[in-house]
Amino acid sequence: MNIMFLKLACSFVLSLGGGYCGIVMASRYDTGITQLRNFISALRMMDFEISMNNTVLVEAMRYSGEAVGGRVGRVFLKCADEVENSPGEKVYDTWCKYIEKYKNDFCISESDIKMVKEFGRSLGSGDRTEESSNIKTTILRLELAEDNAMKKKSQNAKLYRSLGFVGGILISVLLL
């Protein structure tokens, strides 16, 4: 009797563990959407600071990074600090350096990361109107990426949760 109870308890724990793994995998979609929204918010703030308040790029990046916070904000803050402290270095190189450094912290697709890196190509190289135009174009592209991420979430998040629980139950049945 005790062995059967122990097997049932272990089966229950395995089922919950599989379900938890599925929930964690599904939550990456929510995190990715949030990070895309944070990039969009940071870029909007940066555009406002540059075009309306005539703020220099470094200060606009710093303001955006502080306002957004999190992993996305960290990229803006670190990039602003390094650009300010290393005046001879290109902004694009610094931007790419920090996107690459924190790439594993993001839950967005590789194509979205590439898009964010491409945004940095013209950072600091034009006047305020060119800078604003670059930011607005990137915002539009990120909004499309957000829509795609939401579609993927609706298709796959429930699947991962279900597969996690079913996988845990399957392992439990195989071990019994």
Protein backbone atom coordinates (compact mmCIF):
# COMPACT_ATOMS: atom_id res chain seq x y z
CA MET A 1 0.00 0.00 0.00
CA ASN A 2 2.81 2.42 0.85
CA ILE A 3 4.58 1.77 -2.45
CA MET A 4 1.41 2.51 -4.44
CA PHE A 5 0.90 5.75 -2.52
CA LEU A 6 4.53 6.71 -3.19
CA LYS A 7 4.10 5.99 -6.92
CA LEU A 8 0.94 8.10 -7.07
CA ALA A 9 2.63 10.95 -5.21
CA CYS A 10 5.60 10.82 -7.59
CA SER A 11 3.24 10.74 -10.58
CA PHE A 12 1.46 13.80 -9.27
CA VAL A 13 4.76 15.64 -8.78
CA LEU A 14 5.94 14.67 -12.29
CA SER A 15 2.68 15.89 -13.79
CA LEU A 16 2.97 19.20 -11.98
CA GLY A 17 6.63 19.51 -12.97
CA GLY A 18 5.81 18.93 -16.63
CA GLY A 19 2.98 21.45 -16.39
CA TYR A 20 5.29 23.98 -14.79
CA CYS A 21 7.82 23.54 -17.62
CA GLY A 22 5.03 24.11 -20.14
CA ILE A 23 3.87 27.24 -18.33
CA VAL A 24 7.43 28.61 -18.25
CA MET A 25 7.84 28.01 -21.99
CA ALA A 26 4.48 29.68 -22.69
CA SER A 27 5.36 32.69 -20.53
CA ARG A 28 8.28 33.50 -22.83
CA TYR A 29 5.71 34.70 -25.36
CA ASP A 30 4.26 37.19 -22.85
CA THR A 31 7.74 38.36 -21.89
CA GLY A 32 8.70 38.82 -25.55
CA ILE A 33 5.61 40.91 -26.23
CA THR A 34 6.33 43.03 -23.16
CA GLN A 35 9.91 43.57 -24.29
CA LEU A 36 8.79 44.63 -27.76
CA ARG A 37 6.37 47.09 -26.16
CA ASN A 38 9.20 48.39 -23.97
CA PHE A 39 11.38 48.98 -27.04
CA ILE A 40 8.49 50.82 -28.69
CA SER A 41 7.90 52.94 -25.57
CA ALA A 42 11.59 53.75 -25.21
CA LEU A 43 11.83 54.78 -28.85
CA ARG A 44 8.74 56.97 -28.59
CA MET A 45 10.21 58.72 -25.55
CA MET A 46 13.51 59.10 -27.35
CA ASP A 47 11.77 60.58 -30.40
CA PHE A 48 9.87 63.04 -28.23
CA GLU A 49 13.00 64.08 -26.38
CA ILE A 50 15.00 64.56 -29.57
CA SER A 51 12.37 66.22 -31.77
CA MET A 52 10.36 68.24 -29.25
CA ASN A 53 12.70 68.97 -26.37
CA ASN A 54 15.87 69.25 -28.50
CA THR A 55 17.64 66.82 -26.18
CA VAL A 56 20.94 65.37 -27.36
CA LEU A 57 20.99 61.69 -28.26
CA VAL A 58 22.82 60.46 -25.17
CA GLU A 59 20.46 62.22 -22.78
CA ALA A 60 17.42 61.03 -24.75
CA MET A 61 18.69 57.46 -24.54
CA ARG A 62 19.34 57.78 -20.84
CA TYR A 63 15.89 59.25 -20.19
CA SER A 64 14.23 56.49 -22.21
CA GLY A 65 16.22 53.77 -20.46
CA GLU A 66 15.35 55.09 -17.01
CA ALA A 67 11.67 55.42 -17.88
CA VAL A 68 11.29 51.95 -19.42
CA GLY A 69 13.56 50.06 -17.03
CA GLY A 70 14.11 46.32 -17.13
CA ARG A 71 16.27 44.58 -19.68
CA VAL A 72 15.36 46.97 -22.48
CA GLY A 73 16.09 50.01 -20.34
CA ARG A 74 19.45 48.54 -19.38
CA VAL A 75 20.52 48.49 -23.05
CA PHE A 76 19.62 52.15 -23.48
CA LEU A 77 21.34 53.18 -20.25
CA LYS A 78 24.55 51.23 -20.87
CA CYS A 79 24.76 52.47 -24.43
CA ALA A 80 24.22 56.08 -23.35
CA ASP A 81 26.90 55.80 -20.67
CA GLU A 82 29.46 54.31 -23.03
CA VAL A 83 28.76 56.77 -25.86
CA GLU A 84 29.17 59.62 -23.40
CA ASN A 85 32.40 58.23 -21.93
CA SER A 86 33.94 57.14 -25.27
CA PRO A 87 33.38 60.04 -27.67
CA GLY A 88 35.48 58.55 -30.50
CA GLU A 89 33.49 55.33 -30.75
CA LYS A 90 30.60 54.99 -33.19
CA VAL A 91 27.14 54.89 -31.66
CA TYR A 92 26.20 51.96 -33.90
CA ASP A 93 29.08 49.83 -32.62
CA THR A 94 28.17 50.57 -29.03
CA TRP A 95 24.48 49.90 -29.67
CA CYS A 96 25.23 46.54 -31.30
CA LYS A 97 27.64 45.65 -28.52
CA TYR A 98 24.96 46.02 -25.85
CA ILE A 99 22.22 44.38 -27.91
CA GLU A 100 24.54 41.38 -28.35
CA LYS A 101 25.58 41.43 -24.70
CA TYR A 102 21.98 41.27 -23.45
CA LYS A 103 20.59 39.25 -26.37
CA ASN A 104 20.12 36.15 -24.23
CA ASP A 105 18.04 38.15 -21.74
CA PHE A 106 15.48 38.94 -24.43
CA CYS A 107 12.56 36.69 -25.32
CA ILE A 108 12.15 38.16 -28.78
CA SER A 109 12.94 36.47 -32.07
CA GLU A 110 16.30 36.67 -33.78
CA SER A 111 14.75 38.73 -36.60
CA ASP A 112 13.44 41.24 -34.05
CA ILE A 113 16.89 41.50 -32.47
CA LYS A 114 18.35 42.08 -35.93
CA MET A 115 15.76 44.82 -36.53
CA VAL A 116 16.67 46.53 -33.25
CA LYS A 117 20.37 46.33 -34.14
CA GLU A 118 19.67 47.84 -37.57
CA PHE A 119 17.97 50.77 -35.86
CA GLY A 120 21.35 51.72 -34.43
CA ARG A 121 22.95 51.97 -37.88
CA SER A 122 21.96 55.61 -38.30
CA LEU A 123 21.94 56.60 -34.63
CA GLY A 124 23.81 59.82 -34.08
CA SER A 125 24.70 60.26 -37.74
CA GLY A 126 21.97 62.67 -38.87
CA ASP A 127 20.14 65.77 -37.79
CA ARG A 128 17.05 65.74 -35.58
CA THR A 129 14.58 65.15 -38.42
CA GLU A 130 16.56 62.19 -39.78
CA GLU A 131 16.89 60.79 -36.28
CA SER A 132 13.16 61.17 -35.72
CA SER A 133 12.38 59.55 -39.06
CA ASN A 134 14.63 56.59 -38.23
CA ILE A 135 12.95 56.16 -34.84
CA LYS A 136 9.44 56.35 -36.29
CA THR A 137 10.29 53.77 -38.96
CA THR A 138 11.67 51.42 -36.34
CA ILE A 139 8.58 51.91 -34.18
CA LEU A 140 6.36 50.88 -37.09
CA ARG A 141 8.48 47.81 -37.73
CA LEU A 142 8.43 46.87 -34.03
CA GLU A 143 4.64 47.27 -33.93
CA LEU A 144 4.39 44.77 -36.79
CA ALA A 145 6.73 42.44 -34.90
CA GLU A 146 4.52 42.83 -31.82
CA ASP A 147 1.46 41.83 -33.85
CA ASN A 148 3.31 38.76 -35.14
CA ALA A 149 4.41 37.85 -31.61
CA MET A 150 0.81 38.11 -30.39
CA LYS A 151 -0.31 35.78 -33.20
CA LYS A 152 2.40 33.28 -32.29
CA LYS A 153 1.39 33.50 -28.65
CA SER A 154 -2.24 32.74 -29.43
CA GLN A 155 -1.13 29.74 -31.52
CA ASN A 156 1.58 28.28 -29.33
CA ALA A 157 1.19 29.30 -25.68
CA LYS A 158 -1.73 26.98 -24.98
CA LEU A 159 0.07 24.21 -26.85
CA TYR A 160 3.16 24.48 -24.61
CA ARG A 161 1.08 24.46 -21.44
CA SER A 162 -0.88 21.43 -22.58
CA LEU A 163 2.21 19.57 -23.76
CA GLY A 164 3.88 20.18 -20.43
CA PHE A 165 1.07 18.59 -18.46
CA VAL A 166 0.60 15.76 -20.95
CA GLY A 167 4.35 15.10 -20.99
CA GLY A 168 4.40 14.92 -17.19
CA ILE A 169 1.45 12.52 -17.18
CA LEU A 170 3.05 10.39 -19.91
CA ILE A 171 6.30 10.06 -17.95
CA SER A 172 4.27 9.16 -14.87
CA VAL A 173 2.37 6.43 -16.72
CA LEU A 174 5.58 5.04 -18.21
CA LEU A 175 7.22 4.87 -14.80
CA LEU A 176 4.24 3.15 -13.19
